[in-house]
Amino acid sequence: MSEILEKLQSVFQRVLEDDELVISRTMTAGDHASWDSINHIKLVLEVEKTFDLRLKNSDVALLESVGDLLDLIARKRTD
């Protein structure tokens, strides 16, 4: 899981343009001013590109935190 977290942290830093950002499992969109609806879409697209996977809209709609996203990526990588 640490490999996924490291890659995901890099994705968040790039998309939210914050090199100092440290993500955690409990982090939500409300925890960072730049994490708005547009950047949420950019995050999803960048996650798909970085991890070479496709996320279903129904899966993305259920995400409430970075932890949920980490778990989803881990599941998709084993599918």
PDB file of N, CA and C in Angstrom:
ATOM      1  N   MET A   1       0.830  -1.201   0.000  1.00  0.00           N
ATOM      2  CA  MET A   1       0.000   0.000   0.000  1.00  0.00           C
ATOM      3  C   MET A   1       0.870   1.259   0.000  1.00  0.00           C
ATOM      4  N   SER A   2       2.071   1.196   0.555  1.00  0.00           N
ATOM      5  CA  SER A   2       2.906   2.395   0.621  1.00  0.00           C
ATOM      6  C   SER A   2       3.321   2.883  -0.772  1.00  0.00           C
ATOM      7  N   GLU A   3       3.506   1.943  -1.708  1.00  0.00           N
ATOM      8  CA  GLU A   3       3.824   2.333  -3.092  1.00  0.00           C
ATOM      9  C   GLU A   3       2.669   3.124  -3.690  1.00  0.00           C
ATOM     10  N   ILE A   4       1.462   2.657  -3.454  1.00  0.00           N
ATOM     11  CA  ILE A   4       0.270   3.345  -3.958  1.00  0.00           C
ATOM     12  C   ILE A   4       0.171   4.725  -3.317  1.00  0.00           C
ATOM     13  N   LEU A   5       0.386   4.804  -2.018  1.00  0.00           N
ATOM     14  CA  LEU A   5       0.300   6.078  -1.310  1.00  0.00           C
ATOM     15  C   LEU A   5       1.329   7.072  -1.840  1.00  0.00           C
ATOM     16  N   GLU A   6       2.541   6.626  -2.079  1.00  0.00           N
ATOM     17  CA  GLU A   6       3.586   7.513  -2.598  1.00  0.00           C
ATOM     18  C   GLU A   6       3.215   8.057  -3.979  1.00  0.00           C
ATOM     19  N   LYS A   7       2.750   7.173  -4.858  1.00  0.00           N
ATOM     20  CA  LYS A   7       2.346   7.613  -6.197  1.00  0.00           C
ATOM     21  C   LYS A   7       1.148   8.554  -6.121  1.00  0.00           C
ATOM     22  N   LEU A   8       0.198   8.211  -5.247  1.00  0.00           N
ATOM     23  CA  LEU A   8      -1.004   9.026  -5.123  1.00  0.00           C
ATOM     24  C   LEU A   8      -0.660  10.406  -4.563  1.00  0.00           C
ATOM     25  N   GLN A   9       0.265  10.460  -3.620  1.00  0.00           N
ATOM     26  CA  GLN A   9       0.697  11.744  -3.075  1.00  0.00           C
ATOM     27  C   GLN A   9       1.251  12.625  -4.194  1.00  0.00           C
ATOM     28  N   SER A  10       2.038  12.041  -5.075  1.00  0.00           N
ATOM     29  CA  SER A  10       2.605  12.779  -6.200  1.00  0.00           C
ATOM     30  C   SER A  10       1.499  13.297  -7.118  1.00  0.00           C
ATOM     31  N   VAL A  11       0.490  12.486  -7.358  1.00  0.00           N
ATOM     32  CA  VAL A  11      -0.657  12.894  -8.184  1.00  0.00           C
ATOM     33  C   VAL A  11      -1.342  14.104  -7.551  1.00  0.00           C
ATOM     34  N   PHE A  12      -1.632  14.017  -6.264  1.00  0.00           N
ATOM     35  CA  PHE A  12      -2.296  15.121  -5.573  1.00  0.00           C
ATOM     36  C   PHE A  12      -1.452  16.388  -5.614  1.00  0.00           C
ATOM     37  N   GLN A  13      -0.154  16.255  -5.397  1.00  0.00           N
ATOM     38  CA  GLN A  13       0.720  17.430  -5.422  1.00  0.00           C
ATOM     39  C   GLN A  13       0.714  18.097  -6.792  1.00  0.00           C
ATOM     40  N   ARG A  14       0.763  17.292  -7.863  1.00  0.00           N
ATOM     41  CA  ARG A  14       0.746  17.850  -9.222  1.00  0.00           C
ATOM     42  C   ARG A  14      -0.583  18.530  -9.531  1.00  0.00           C
ATOM     43  N   VAL A  15      -1.672  17.807  -9.307  1.00  0.00           N
ATOM     44  CA  VAL A  15      -2.989  18.319  -9.693  1.00  0.00           C
ATOM     45  C   VAL A  15      -3.379  19.535  -8.849  1.00  0.00           C
ATOM     46  N   LEU A  16      -3.120  19.491  -7.556  1.00  0.00           N
ATOM     47  CA  LEU A  16      -3.503  20.595  -6.684  1.00  0.00           C
ATOM     48  C   LEU A  16      -2.419  21.668  -6.590  1.00  0.00           C
ATOM     49  N   GLU A  17      -1.325  21.448  -7.344  1.00  0.00           N
ATOM     50  CA  GLU A  17      -0.222  22.405  -7.424  1.00  0.00           C
ATOM     51  C   GLU A  17       0.271  22.817  -6.035  1.00  0.00           C
ATOM     52  N   ASP A  18       0.588  21.788  -5.232  1.00  0.00           N
ATOM     53  CA  ASP A  18       1.030  22.012  -3.853  1.00  0.00           C
ATOM     54  C   ASP A  18       2.104  20.983  -3.524  1.00  0.00           C
ATOM     55  N   ASP A  19       3.365  21.358  -3.737  1.00  0.00           N
ATOM     56  CA  ASP A  19       4.484  20.434  -3.513  1.00  0.00           C
ATOM     57  C   ASP A  19       4.662  20.058  -2.052  1.00  0.00           C
ATOM     58  N   GLU A  20       4.071  20.804  -1.150  1.00  0.00           N
ATOM     59  CA  GLU A  20       4.196  20.532   0.291  1.00  0.00           C
ATOM     60  C   GLU A  20       3.054  19.658   0.815  1.00  0.00           C
ATOM     61  N   LEU A  21       2.079  19.364  -0.026  1.00  0.00           N
ATOM     62  CA  LEU A  21       0.904  18.607   0.402  1.00  0.00           C
ATOM     63  C   LEU A  21       1.271  17.200   0.849  1.00  0.00           C
ATOM     64  N   VAL A  22       0.779  16.831   2.012  1.00  0.00           N
ATOM     65  CA  VAL A  22       0.935  15.472   2.527  1.00  0.00           C
ATOM     66  C   VAL A  22      -0.477  14.917   2.703  1.00  0.00           C
ATOM     67  N   ILE A  23      -0.785  13.867   1.968  1.00  0.00           N
ATOM     68  CA  ILE A  23      -2.129  13.288   2.046  1.00  0.00           C
ATOM     69  C   ILE A  23      -2.178  12.243   3.154  1.00  0.00           C
ATOM     70  N   SER A  24      -3.395  11.969   3.608  1.00  0.00           N
ATOM     71  CA  SER A  24      -3.631  10.921   4.600  1.00  0.00           C
ATOM     72  C   SER A  24      -4.926  10.211   4.241  1.00  0.00           C
ATOM     73  N   ARG A  25      -5.141   9.068   4.834  1.00  0.00           N
ATOM     74  CA  ARG A  25      -6.348   8.287   4.538  1.00  0.00           C
ATOM     75  C   ARG A  25      -7.622   9.067   4.871  1.00  0.00           C
ATOM     76  N   THR A  26      -7.563   9.932   5.861  1.00  0.00           N
ATOM     77  CA  THR A  26      -8.765  10.647   6.293  1.00  0.00           C
ATOM     78  C   THR A  26      -8.993  11.955   5.547  1.00  0.00           C
ATOM     79  N   MET A  27      -8.064  12.350   4.710  1.00  0.00           N
ATOM     80  CA  MET A  27      -8.191  13.616   3.976  1.00  0.00           C
ATOM     81  C   MET A  27      -9.388  13.584   3.030  1.00  0.00           C
ATOM     82  N   THR A  28     -10.116  14.713   3.001  1.00  0.00           N
ATOM     83  CA  THR A  28     -11.256  14.859   2.094  1.00  0.00           C
ATOM     84  C   THR A  28     -11.096  16.161   1.307  1.00  0.00           C
ATOM     85  N   ALA A  29     -11.975  16.365   0.352  1.00  0.00           N
ATOM     86  CA  ALA A  29     -11.921  17.570  -0.470  1.00  0.00           C
ATOM     87  C   ALA A  29     -12.007  18.831   0.382  1.00  0.00           C
ATOM     88  N   GLY A  30     -12.707  18.779   1.478  1.00  0.00           N
ATOM     89  CA  GLY A  30     -12.849  19.936   2.349  1.00  0.00           C
ATOM     90  C   GLY A  30     -11.569  20.323   3.076  1.00  0.00           C
ATOM     91  N   ASP A  31     -10.572  19.452   3.033  1.00  0.00           N
ATOM     92  CA  ASP A  31      -9.318  19.704   3.737  1.00  0.00           C
ATOM     93  C   ASP A  31      -8.300  20.505   2.926  1.00  0.00           C
ATOM     94  N   HIS A  32      -8.583  20.750   1.650  1.00  0.00           N
ATOM     95  CA  HIS A  32      -7.640  21.507   0.815  1.00  0.00           C
ATOM     96  C   HIS A  32      -8.422  22.440  -0.097  1.00  0.00           C
ATOM     97  N   ALA A  33      -8.108  23.710  -0.030  1.00  0.00           N
ATOM     98  CA  ALA A  33      -8.861  24.731  -0.771  1.00  0.00           C
ATOM     99  C   ALA A  33      -8.876  24.504  -2.277  1.00  0.00           C
ATOM    100  N   SER A  34      -7.821  23.914  -2.820  1.00  0.00           N
ATOM    101  CA  SER A  34      -7.742  23.712  -4.274  1.00  0.00           C
ATOM    102  C   SER A  34      -8.494  22.476  -4.761  1.00  0.00           C
ATOM    103  N   TRP A  35      -8.950  21.643  -3.831  1.00  0.00           N
ATOM    104  CA  TRP A  35      -9.627  20.402  -4.219  1.00  0.00           C
ATOM    105  C   TRP A  35     -11.107  20.707  -4.451  1.00  0.00           C
ATOM    106  N   ASP A  36     -11.387  21.288  -5.608  1.00  0.00           N
ATOM    107  CA  ASP A  36     -12.757  21.601  -6.001  1.00  0.00           C
ATOM    108  C   ASP A  36     -13.256  20.560  -6.997  1.00  0.00           C
ATOM    109  N   SER A  37     -14.428  20.785  -7.558  1.00  0.00           N
ATOM    110  CA  SER A  37     -15.022  19.787  -8.459  1.00  0.00           C
ATOM    111  C   SER A  37     -14.192  19.583  -9.728  1.00  0.00           C
ATOM    112  N   ILE A  38     -13.616  20.648 -10.253  1.00  0.00           N
ATOM    113  CA  ILE A  38     -12.788  20.518 -11.461  1.00  0.00           C
ATOM    114  C   ILE A  38     -11.526  19.728 -11.149  1.00  0.00           C
ATOM    115  N   ASN A  39     -10.867  20.074 -10.051  1.00  0.00           N
ATOM    116  CA  ASN A  39      -9.654  19.341  -9.693  1.00  0.00           C
ATOM    117  C   ASN A  39      -9.961  17.910  -9.277  1.00  0.00           C
ATOM    118  N   HIS A  40     -11.163  17.659  -8.799  1.00  0.00           N
ATOM    119  CA  HIS A  40     -11.547  16.283  -8.480  1.00  0.00           C
ATOM    120  C   HIS A  40     -11.533  15.432  -9.761  1.00  0.00           C
ATOM    121  N   ILE A  41     -12.084  15.979 -10.817  1.00  0.00           N
ATOM    122  CA  ILE A  41     -12.082  15.276 -12.108  1.00  0.00           C
ATOM    123  C   ILE A  41     -10.648  15.094 -12.604  1.00  0.00           C
ATOM    124  N   LYS A  42      -9.840  16.137 -12.468  1.00  0.00           N
ATOM    125  CA  LYS A  42      -8.440  16.032 -12.875  1.00  0.00           C
ATOM    126  C   LYS A  42      -7.711  14.964 -12.060  1.00  0.00           C
ATOM    127  N   LEU A  43      -8.019  14.882 -10.766  1.00  0.00           N
ATOM    128  CA  LEU A  43      -7.404  13.856  -9.915  1.00  0.00           C
ATOM    129  C   LEU A  43      -7.767  12.459 -10.406  1.00  0.00           C
ATOM    130  N   VAL A  44      -9.037  12.251 -10.708  1.00  0.00           N
ATOM    131  CA  VAL A  44      -9.482  10.942 -11.190  1.00  0.00           C
ATOM    132  C   VAL A  44      -8.776  10.584 -12.498  1.00  0.00           C
ATOM    133  N   LEU A  45      -8.715  11.518 -13.422  1.00  0.00           N
ATOM    134  CA  LEU A  45      -8.052  11.259 -14.709  1.00  0.00           C
ATOM    135  C   LEU A  45      -6.563  10.967 -14.522  1.00  0.00           C
ATOM    136  N   GLU A  46      -5.921  11.717 -13.645  1.00  0.00           N
ATOM    137  CA  GLU A  46      -4.495  11.508 -13.402  1.00  0.00           C
ATOM    138  C   GLU A  46      -4.237  10.182 -12.675  1.00  0.00           C
ATOM    139  N   VAL A  47      -5.144   9.796 -11.790  1.00  0.00           N
ATOM    140  CA  VAL A  47      -5.038   8.487 -11.122  1.00  0.00           C
ATOM    141  C   VAL A  47      -5.133   7.374 -12.157  1.00  0.00           C
ATOM    142  N   GLU A  48      -6.090   7.488 -13.075  1.00  0.00           N
ATOM    143  CA  GLU A  48      -6.228   6.476 -14.122  1.00  0.00           C
ATOM    144  C   GLU A  48      -4.954   6.374 -14.953  1.00  0.00           C
ATOM    145  N   LYS A  49      -4.386   7.502 -15.303  1.00  0.00           N
ATOM    146  CA  LYS A  49      -3.164   7.524 -16.113  1.00  0.00           C
ATOM    147  C   LYS A  49      -1.974   6.964 -15.331  1.00  0.00           C
ATOM    148  N   THR A  50      -1.787   7.419 -14.116  1.00  0.00           N
ATOM    149  CA  THR A  50      -0.641   7.025 -13.301  1.00  0.00           C
ATOM    150  C   THR A  50      -0.654   5.544 -12.959  1.00  0.00           C
ATOM    151  N   PHE A  51      -1.839   5.021 -12.642  1.00  0.00           N
ATOM    152  CA  PHE A  51      -1.946   3.623 -12.212  1.00  0.00           C
ATOM    153  C   PHE A  51      -2.391   2.694 -13.337  1.00  0.00           C
ATOM    154  N   ASP A  52      -2.557   3.247 -14.552  1.00  0.00           N
ATOM    155  CA  ASP A  52      -2.951   2.473 -15.723  1.00  0.00           C
ATOM    156  C   ASP A  52      -4.197   1.635 -15.452  1.00  0.00           C
ATOM    157  N   LEU A  53      -5.262   2.312 -15.049  1.00  0.00           N
ATOM    158  CA  LEU A  53      -6.526   1.626 -14.790  1.00  0.00           C
ATOM    159  C   LEU A  53      -7.689   2.522 -15.148  1.00  0.00           C
ATOM    160  N   ARG A  54      -8.872   1.957 -15.192  1.00  0.00           N
ATOM    161  CA  ARG A  54     -10.097   2.699 -15.469  1.00  0.00           C
ATOM    162  C   ARG A  54     -10.985   2.645 -14.237  1.00  0.00           C
ATOM    163  N   LEU A  55     -11.495   3.791 -13.849  1.00  0.00           N
ATOM    164  CA  LEU A  55     -12.394   3.864 -12.704  1.00  0.00           C
ATOM    165  C   LEU A  55     -13.810   4.107 -13.203  1.00  0.00           C
ATOM    166  N   LYS A  56     -14.739   3.328 -12.699  1.00  0.00           N
ATOM    167  CA  LYS A  56     -16.143   3.503 -13.071  1.00  0.00           C
ATOM    168  C   LYS A  56     -16.706   4.726 -12.364  1.00  0.00           C
ATOM    169  N   ASN A  57     -17.619   5.418 -13.048  1.00  0.00           N
ATOM    170  CA  ASN A  57     -18.274   6.574 -12.441  1.00  0.00           C
ATOM    171  C   ASN A  57     -18.954   6.193 -11.130  1.00  0.00           C
ATOM    172  N   SER A  58     -19.539   5.005 -11.094  1.00  0.00           N
ATOM    173  CA  SER A  58     -20.231   4.572  -9.877  1.00  0.00           C
ATOM    174  C   SER A  58     -19.252   4.381  -8.724  1.00  0.00           C
ATOM    175  N   ASP A  59     -18.034   3.930  -9.015  1.00  0.00           N
ATOM    176  CA  ASP A  59     -17.014   3.785  -7.970  1.00  0.00           C
ATOM    177  C   ASP A  59     -16.542   5.155  -7.493  1.00  0.00           C
ATOM    178  N   VAL A  60     -16.312   6.058  -8.428  1.00  0.00           N
ATOM    179  CA  VAL A  60     -15.825   7.398  -8.096  1.00  0.00           C
ATOM    180  C   VAL A  60     -16.868   8.144  -7.253  1.00  0.00           C
ATOM    181  N   ALA A  61     -18.135   7.947  -7.568  1.00  0.00           N
ATOM    182  CA  ALA A  61     -19.207   8.641  -6.845  1.00  0.00           C
ATOM    183  C   ALA A  61     -19.245   8.247  -5.364  1.00  0.00           C
ATOM    184  N   LEU A  62     -18.746   7.070  -5.044  1.00  0.00           N
ATOM    185  CA  LEU A  62     -18.771   6.597  -3.655  1.00  0.00           C
ATOM    186  C   LEU A  62     -17.569   7.050  -2.830  1.00  0.00           C
ATOM    187  N   LEU A  63     -16.586   7.666  -3.478  1.00  0.00           N
ATOM    188  CA  LEU A  63     -15.377   8.076  -2.769  1.00  0.00           C
ATOM    189  C   LEU A  63     -15.668   9.244  -1.832  1.00  0.00           C
ATOM    190  N   GLU A  64     -15.261   9.093  -0.579  1.00  0.00           N
ATOM    191  CA  GLU A  64     -15.450  10.159   0.396  1.00  0.00           C
ATOM    192  C   GLU A  64     -14.138  10.660   0.980  1.00  0.00           C
ATOM    193  N   SER A  65     -13.053   9.907   0.773  1.00  0.00           N
ATOM    194  CA  SER A  65     -11.767  10.292   1.357  1.00  0.00           C
ATOM    195  C   SER A  65     -10.628   9.711   0.527  1.00  0.00           C
ATOM    196  N   VAL A  66      -9.426  10.157   0.833  1.00  0.00           N
ATOM    197  CA  VAL A  66      -8.239   9.603   0.188  1.00  0.00           C
ATOM    198  C   VAL A  66      -8.138   8.108   0.499  1.00  0.00           C
ATOM    199  N   GLY A  67      -8.514   7.709   1.694  1.00  0.00           N
ATOM    200  CA  GLY A  67      -8.489   6.293   2.059  1.00  0.00           C
ATOM    201  C   GLY A  67      -9.379   5.456   1.152  1.00  0.00           C
ATOM    202  N   ASP A  68     -10.552   5.968   0.832  1.00  0.00           N
ATOM    203  CA  ASP A  68     -11.442   5.263  -0.091  1.00  0.00           C
ATOM    204  C   ASP A  68     -10.787   5.121  -1.461  1.00  0.00           C
ATOM    205  N   LEU A  69     -10.109   6.169  -1.904  1.00  0.00           N
ATOM    206  CA  LEU A  69      -9.424   6.132  -3.200  1.00  0.00           C
ATOM    207  C   LEU A  69      -8.268   5.135  -3.172  1.00  0.00           C
ATOM    208  N   LEU A  70      -7.506   5.129  -2.088  1.00  0.00           N
ATOM    209  CA  LEU A  70      -6.415   4.155  -1.948  1.00  0.00           C
ATOM    210  C   LEU A  70      -6.943   2.723  -2.038  1.00  0.00           C
ATOM    211  N   ASP A  71      -8.023   2.458  -1.325  1.00  0.00           N
ATOM    212  CA  ASP A  71      -8.614   1.110  -1.333  1.00  0.00           C
ATOM    213  C   ASP A  71      -9.122   0.737  -2.718  1.00  0.00           C
ATOM    214  N   LEU A  72      -9.733   1.688  -3.419  1.00  0.00           N
ATOM    215  CA  LEU A  72     -10.239   1.445  -4.764  1.00  0.00           C
ATOM    216  C   LEU A  72      -9.090   1.135  -5.722  1.00  0.00           C
ATOM    217  N   ILE A  73      -8.019   1.895  -5.640  1.00  0.00           N
ATOM    218  CA  ILE A  73      -6.856   1.643  -6.499  1.00  0.00           C
ATOM    219  C   ILE A  73      -6.289   0.256  -6.220  1.00  0.00           C
ATOM    220  N   ALA A  74      -6.163  -0.092  -4.961  1.00  0.00           N
ATOM    221  CA  ALA A  74      -5.628  -1.406  -4.593  1.00  0.00           C
ATOM    222  C   ALA A  74      -6.514  -2.521  -5.150  1.00  0.00           C
ATOM    223  N   ARG A  75      -7.833  -2.358  -5.048  1.00  0.00           N
ATOM    224  CA  ARG A  75      -8.751  -3.386  -5.595  1.00  0.00           C
ATOM    225  C   ARG A  75      -8.621  -3.491  -7.111  1.00  0.00           C
ATOM    226  N   LYS A  76      -8.582  -2.341  -7.785  1.00  0.00           N
ATOM    227  CA  LYS A  76      -8.522  -2.332  -9.244  1.00  0.00           C
ATOM    228  C   LYS A  76      -7.203  -2.933  -9.760  1.00  0.00           C
ATOM    229  N   ARG A  77      -6.126  -2.782  -9.010  1.00  0.00           N
ATOM    230  CA  ARG A  77      -4.841  -3.318  -9.431  1.00  0.00           C
ATOM    231  C   ARG A  77      -4.785  -4.834  -9.303  1.00  0.00           C
ATOM    232  N   THR A  78      -5.681  -5.404  -8.501  1.00  0.00           N
ATOM    233  CA  THR A  78      -5.687  -6.856  -8.349  1.00  0.00           C
ATOM    234  C   THR A  78      -6.754  -7.510  -9.221  1.00  0.00           C
ATOM    235  N   ASP A  79      -7.634  -6.689  -9.819  1.00  0.00           N
ATOM    236  CA  ASP A  79      -8.690  -7.242 -10.703  1.00  0.00           C
ATOM    237  C   ASP A  79      -8.098  -7.826 -11.970  1.00  0.00           C
TER     238      ASP A  79
END
